[in-house]
Amino acid sequence: MLLALSCLLSVPGVAVAASSAPTPITIGQTHLVDFADGDSRQINVYLPEGYADGAKRYPVLYLIDGGLSQDFLHVAGTSALNAVWGRSLPVIVVGIESKDRRAELIGSAGNAAQHKQYPTAGQSTRFRAFLRDKVKPLIEADYRTNGDDGVIGESLAGLFIVETWLREPGLFHRYAAIDASLWWDDAALAKAAAGLIATSPRAGPLYLTYSNEGQETARAAQRVAAAGGSLVCLSPREDLTHATAYHVLSPQALQFLFPTANKQDPEWGFEVPCSKKS
């Protein structure tokens, strides 16, 4: 290869194309927001195509595990591509960085063995307060939001989202939990779902999926879906693994959260199948 290149450069009349100085590719902005006790978190923001060109306001997609080394680039890219295809609305994507996921994204466990294995677990209420009291006010003050929003996350973030939908349903308008770790604490959250819904009715819908993680997770998701009735779109995908589910299902989740008025062609695979619930 080096010999061929040297020969090419030595041939009279053959010029190598000149290049201007490279410039950065900028897809978003980052805020550092105080979480607690001087510990700050990255809040990463992707603005949709056309945001800088006018005064239009946009819905907001909040992404749990939204650090630059987490799911921010994946979900921001999915959002942009969905908008190009008219599959979901253009949205402002707000990625919220997590650090100790087991501490921040799950509630306390009554299961003694799990509590011993994950001693920091049980701080999801504090993380939810961070979203409510600091992140959402920042975004609504600094960006052209239209009052509509949704939240998405996978695995432990999915568990956090289901917990939020059940315990503080007014925090977001729409919810998407992909392959949520509902097995945590012997599926205690799923078992409590019907009672929580009965005492605090919710208006926002929930998109809920599970992969081939096992029957405990499947049964827990089915239990949440049965309790939520028509508000829950349960989309079982046992053909997928925990490692592949998010990338496959995030386009579908965004279509559920922020649908367009377009009639989607099933031949393109632009569907949001919801299973019947017993």
Protein backbone atom coordinates (compact mmCIF):
# COMPACT_ATOMS: atom_id res chain seq x y z
CA MET A 1 0.00 0.00 0.00
CA LEU A 2 2.80 2.45 0.91
CA LEU A 3 4.69 1.57 -2.28
CA ALA A 4 1.60 2.17 -4.40
CA LEU A 5 1.01 5.51 -2.72
CA SER A 6 4.60 6.62 -3.24
CA CYS A 7 4.38 5.68 -6.91
CA LEU A 8 1.14 7.63 -7.27
CA LEU A 9 2.64 10.71 -5.69
CA SER A 10 5.66 10.52 -7.98
CA VAL A 11 3.63 10.46 -11.20
CA PRO A 12 3.70 13.88 -12.89
CA GLY A 13 0.30 15.52 -13.23
CA VAL A 14 -1.37 13.50 -10.50
CA ALA A 15 -2.37 15.73 -7.60
CA VAL A 16 -3.63 14.79 -4.17
CA ALA A 17 -6.82 16.65 -3.31
CA ALA A 18 -6.30 19.50 -0.90
CA SER A 19 -8.30 19.54 2.31
CA SER A 20 -9.41 22.44 4.45
CA ALA A 21 -8.78 22.33 8.17
CA PRO A 22 -11.20 19.91 9.83
CA THR A 23 -14.05 21.34 11.88
CA PRO A 24 -15.95 19.67 14.73
CA ILE A 25 -19.22 17.87 14.14
CA THR A 26 -21.58 19.31 16.73
CA ILE A 27 -24.80 17.48 17.50
CA GLY A 28 -25.74 18.92 20.86
CA GLN A 29 -25.00 20.76 24.04
CA THR A 30 -24.00 19.66 27.54
CA HIS A 31 -24.99 21.14 30.89
CA LEU A 32 -23.45 20.16 34.22
CA VAL A 33 -26.18 20.12 36.87
CA ASP A 34 -25.62 19.63 40.59
CA PHE A 35 -27.10 16.33 41.71
CA ALA A 36 -26.28 16.19 45.41
CA ASP A 37 -23.39 17.03 47.73
CA GLY A 38 -21.33 18.64 44.96
CA ASP A 39 -21.79 15.70 42.60
CA SER A 40 -22.78 17.01 39.15
CA ARG A 41 -24.34 15.18 36.23
CA GLN A 42 -24.08 15.67 32.50
CA ILE A 43 -27.35 16.71 30.91
CA ASN A 44 -26.88 16.25 27.17
CA VAL A 45 -29.24 17.96 24.73
CA TYR A 46 -29.84 17.15 21.07
CA LEU A 47 -31.81 19.75 19.12
CA PRO A 48 -33.81 18.54 16.11
CA GLU A 49 -33.19 19.57 12.53
CA GLY A 50 -34.54 23.06 11.94
CA TYR A 51 -34.49 24.12 15.59
CA ALA A 52 -32.08 26.99 14.91
CA ASP A 53 -34.05 28.29 11.93
CA GLY A 54 -37.24 29.53 13.55
CA ALA A 55 -39.41 29.92 16.61
CA LYS A 56 -41.15 26.54 16.53
CA ARG A 57 -41.53 24.73 19.85
CA TYR A 58 -40.87 21.02 20.28
CA PRO A 59 -41.79 18.13 22.56
CA VAL A 60 -39.05 16.75 24.79
CA LEU A 61 -37.81 13.19 25.10
CA TYR A 62 -36.05 12.59 28.41
CA LEU A 63 -33.57 9.73 28.27
CA ILE A 64 -32.47 7.89 31.39
CA ASP A 65 -28.86 6.64 31.11
CA GLY A 66 -28.27 9.53 28.74
CA GLY A 67 -24.54 10.10 29.26
CA LEU A 68 -22.24 10.41 26.25
CA SER A 69 -20.86 6.94 26.97
CA GLN A 70 -24.36 5.58 27.60
CA ASP A 71 -27.42 5.77 25.32
CA PHE A 72 -27.44 9.42 24.25
CA LEU A 73 -25.90 9.02 20.78
CA HIS A 74 -28.02 5.96 20.01
CA VAL A 75 -31.34 7.55 20.96
CA ALA A 76 -30.55 10.96 19.46
CA GLY A 77 -29.68 9.23 16.18
CA THR A 78 -32.84 7.13 16.29
CA SER A 79 -34.91 10.25 16.89
CA ALA A 80 -33.32 12.04 13.94
CA LEU A 81 -33.84 9.09 11.58
CA ASN A 82 -37.43 8.56 12.72
CA ALA A 83 -38.16 12.22 11.98
CA VAL A 84 -36.64 11.94 8.49
CA TRP A 85 -38.97 9.00 7.74
CA GLY A 86 -41.98 10.74 9.28
CA ARG A 87 -42.23 7.91 11.77
CA SER A 88 -42.20 10.10 14.88
CA LEU A 89 -42.18 13.83 15.56
CA PRO A 90 -38.96 15.82 15.78
CA VAL A 91 -38.11 16.17 19.47
CA ILE A 92 -35.55 17.69 21.78
CA VAL A 93 -33.64 14.75 23.27
CA VAL A 94 -32.40 15.28 26.83
CA GLY A 95 -29.98 12.65 28.08
CA ILE A 96 -29.60 12.41 31.86
CA GLU A 97 -26.35 10.80 32.93
CA SER A 98 -26.51 8.14 35.62
CA LYS A 99 -23.47 6.98 37.59
CA ASP A 100 -24.37 4.33 40.15
CA ARG A 101 -27.33 2.85 38.28
CA ARG A 102 -28.19 0.36 41.01
CA ALA A 103 -28.36 3.18 43.54
CA GLU A 104 -30.18 5.73 41.43
CA LEU A 105 -32.61 3.74 39.32
CA ILE A 106 -34.13 1.18 41.67
CA GLY A 107 -36.10 1.33 44.87
CA SER A 108 -35.18 -0.38 48.10
CA ALA A 109 -35.47 -4.16 48.21
CA GLY A 110 -37.37 -6.28 50.66
CA ASN A 111 -35.40 -9.23 49.34
CA ALA A 112 -32.53 -9.52 51.84
CA ALA A 113 -30.20 -11.33 49.43
CA GLN A 114 -30.59 -8.64 46.76
CA HIS A 115 -30.16 -5.89 49.33
CA LYS A 116 -26.91 -7.49 50.48
CA GLN A 117 -25.69 -7.93 46.90
CA TYR A 118 -26.56 -4.32 45.94
CA PRO A 119 -26.16 -2.33 49.20
CA THR A 120 -26.41 1.10 47.52
CA ALA A 121 -29.79 0.32 45.94
CA GLY A 122 -32.90 2.22 46.92
CA GLN A 123 -32.32 5.85 45.88
CA SER A 124 -34.73 6.07 42.95
CA THR A 125 -36.88 8.62 44.80
CA ARG A 126 -33.90 11.00 45.00
CA PHE A 127 -33.10 10.56 41.31
CA ARG A 128 -36.73 11.26 40.44
CA ALA A 129 -36.61 14.45 42.51
CA PHE A 130 -33.50 15.49 40.56
CA LEU A 131 -35.45 15.16 37.31
CA ARG A 132 -38.48 16.99 38.67
CA ASP A 133 -36.77 19.82 40.53
CA LYS A 134 -33.64 20.50 38.49
CA VAL A 135 -33.53 18.90 35.05
CA LYS A 136 -37.03 19.63 33.79
CA PRO A 137 -37.05 23.29 34.94
CA LEU A 138 -33.67 23.83 33.25
CA ILE A 139 -34.85 22.42 29.93
CA GLU A 140 -38.16 24.27 29.99
CA ALA A 141 -36.38 27.56 30.74
CA ASP A 142 -33.53 27.27 28.24
CA TYR A 143 -35.17 25.60 25.23
CA ARG A 144 -38.28 26.06 23.09
CA THR A 145 -40.41 23.28 24.54
CA ASN A 146 -44.12 22.94 23.79
CA GLY A 147 -45.30 21.44 27.07
CA ASP A 148 -45.37 17.85 25.82
CA ASP A 149 -42.82 15.26 26.90
CA GLY A 150 -41.97 11.61 27.28
CA VAL A 151 -39.31 9.46 28.91
CA ILE A 152 -37.46 6.39 27.68
CA GLY A 153 -35.02 3.90 29.15
CA GLU A 154 -33.96 0.26 29.13
CA SER A 155 -33.14 -2.39 31.73
CA LEU A 156 -32.75 -0.74 35.16
CA ALA A 157 -33.74 2.57 33.56
CA GLY A 158 -36.87 0.79 32.32
CA LEU A 159 -37.60 -0.33 35.87
CA PHE A 160 -37.20 3.28 37.03
CA ILE A 161 -39.61 4.43 34.34
CA VAL A 162 -42.28 1.90 35.31
CA GLU A 163 -41.83 2.90 38.96
CA THR A 164 -42.24 6.57 38.01
CA TRP A 165 -45.35 5.79 35.94
CA LEU A 166 -46.83 4.03 38.97
CA ARG A 167 -45.67 6.31 41.80
CA GLU A 168 -45.48 9.77 40.21
CA PRO A 169 -47.52 9.48 37.01
CA GLY A 170 -47.74 13.21 36.40
CA LEU A 171 -44.00 13.70 36.02
CA PHE A 172 -44.10 12.92 32.27
CA HIS A 173 -46.88 12.71 29.69
CA ARG A 174 -45.75 9.44 28.09
CA TYR A 175 -43.50 6.56 29.11
CA ALA A 176 -41.45 3.89 27.32
CA ALA A 177 -39.73 1.09 29.26
CA ILE A 178 -37.74 -1.34 27.13
CA ASP A 179 -36.89 -4.71 28.65
CA ALA A 180 -37.42 -3.28 32.12
CA SER A 181 -35.76 -5.17 34.98
CA LEU A 182 -39.08 -5.91 36.66
CA TRP A 183 -37.60 -9.03 38.25
CA TRP A 184 -35.98 -6.80 40.89
CA ASP A 185 -37.06 -7.52 44.48
CA ASP A 186 -39.07 -10.58 43.47
CA ALA A 187 -41.14 -8.44 41.07
CA ALA A 188 -42.48 -6.39 43.99
CA LEU A 189 -43.22 -3.36 41.80
CA ALA A 190 -45.35 -5.39 39.39
CA LYS A 191 -47.21 -6.97 42.30
CA ALA A 192 -48.00 -3.51 43.66
CA ALA A 193 -49.10 -2.09 40.30
CA ALA A 194 -52.85 -2.68 40.58
CA GLY A 195 -53.01 -1.10 44.04
CA LEU A 196 -50.95 1.92 43.01
CA ILE A 197 -53.09 2.52 39.94
CA ALA A 198 -56.28 2.23 42.00
CA THR A 199 -55.15 4.90 44.45
CA SER A 200 -53.53 7.24 41.92
CA PRO A 201 -55.07 7.03 38.44
CA ARG A 202 -52.78 7.98 35.59
CA ALA A 203 -53.51 9.54 32.22
CA GLY A 204 -50.23 8.96 30.37
CA PRO A 205 -49.66 5.80 28.32
CA LEU A 206 -46.84 3.30 28.83
CA TYR A 207 -45.00 1.36 26.12
CA LEU A 208 -43.62 -1.78 27.79
CA THR A 209 -41.54 -4.55 26.24
CA TYR A 210 -39.64 -7.62 27.34
CA SER A 211 -37.12 -9.89 25.62
CA ASN A 212 -36.08 -13.46 26.36
CA GLU A 213 -34.92 -12.61 29.90
CA GLY A 214 -37.02 -15.35 31.44
CA GLN A 215 -40.48 -16.02 32.76
CA GLU A 216 -40.16 -13.89 35.89
CA THR A 217 -39.62 -10.74 33.83
CA ALA A 218 -42.32 -11.72 31.34
CA ARG A 219 -44.90 -12.41 34.04
CA ALA A 220 -44.06 -9.14 35.79
CA ALA A 221 -44.50 -7.14 32.58
CA GLN A 222 -47.79 -8.91 31.88
CA ARG A 223 -48.94 -8.08 35.39
CA VAL A 224 -48.19 -4.38 34.97
CA ALA A 225 -49.93 -4.39 31.59
CA ALA A 226 -53.03 -6.09 32.99
CA ALA A 227 -53.21 -3.53 35.80
CA GLY A 228 -52.80 -0.61 33.39
CA GLY A 229 -55.38 -1.81 30.89
CA SER A 230 -55.73 0.26 27.74
CA LEU A 231 -53.01 2.69 28.85
CA VAL A 232 -50.32 0.04 28.38
CA CYS A 233 -48.96 -1.13 25.04
CA LEU A 234 -47.31 -4.45 25.89
CA SER A 235 -44.98 -5.56 23.11
CA PRO A 236 -43.36 -8.94 23.87
CA ARG A 237 -40.22 -9.66 21.86
CA GLU A 238 -38.86 -12.96 23.08
CA ASP A 239 -37.01 -13.31 19.79
CA LEU A 240 -34.65 -10.61 21.08
CA THR A 241 -32.04 -10.66 23.84
CA HIS A 242 -31.44 -8.11 26.55
CA ALA A 243 -28.40 -6.94 24.56
CA THR A 244 -30.29 -6.39 21.29
CA ALA A 245 -33.75 -5.24 22.39
CA TYR A 246 -33.02 -1.52 22.84
CA HIS A 247 -31.59 -0.89 19.39
CA VAL A 248 -34.33 -2.87 17.68
CA LEU A 249 -37.24 -1.41 19.63
CA SER A 250 -36.27 2.22 20.23
CA PRO A 251 -37.64 3.37 16.83
CA GLN A 252 -40.96 1.72 17.68
CA ALA A 253 -40.93 3.26 21.15
CA LEU A 254 -40.43 6.77 19.74
CA GLN A 255 -43.24 6.18 17.26
CA PHE A 256 -45.49 5.26 20.21
CA LEU A 257 -44.41 8.26 22.28
CA PHE A 258 -44.58 10.92 19.56
CA PRO A 259 -46.64 9.67 16.60
CA THR A 260 -47.11 11.72 13.46
CA ALA A 261 -50.31 12.14 11.47
CA ASN A 262 -48.79 10.04 8.69
CA LYS A 263 -50.38 6.72 7.80
CA GLN A 264 -47.56 4.24 8.35
CA ASP A 265 -47.00 1.57 5.71
CA PRO A 266 -46.79 -1.91 7.33
CA GLU A 267 -44.50 -3.00 4.49
CA TRP A 268 -41.87 -0.66 5.88
CA GLY A 269 -42.17 -2.23 9.32
CA PHE A 270 -43.48 1.00 10.84
CA GLU A 271 -45.90 -0.60 13.26
CA VAL A 272 -46.35 -0.57 17.02
CA PRO A 273 -47.86 -3.97 17.85
CA CYS A 274 -49.51 -4.25 21.25
CA SER A 275 -50.49 -7.67 22.56
CA LYS A 276 -53.86 -8.48 24.08
CA LYS A 277 -53.78 -8.50 27.87
CA SER A 278 -55.66 -10.88 30.13
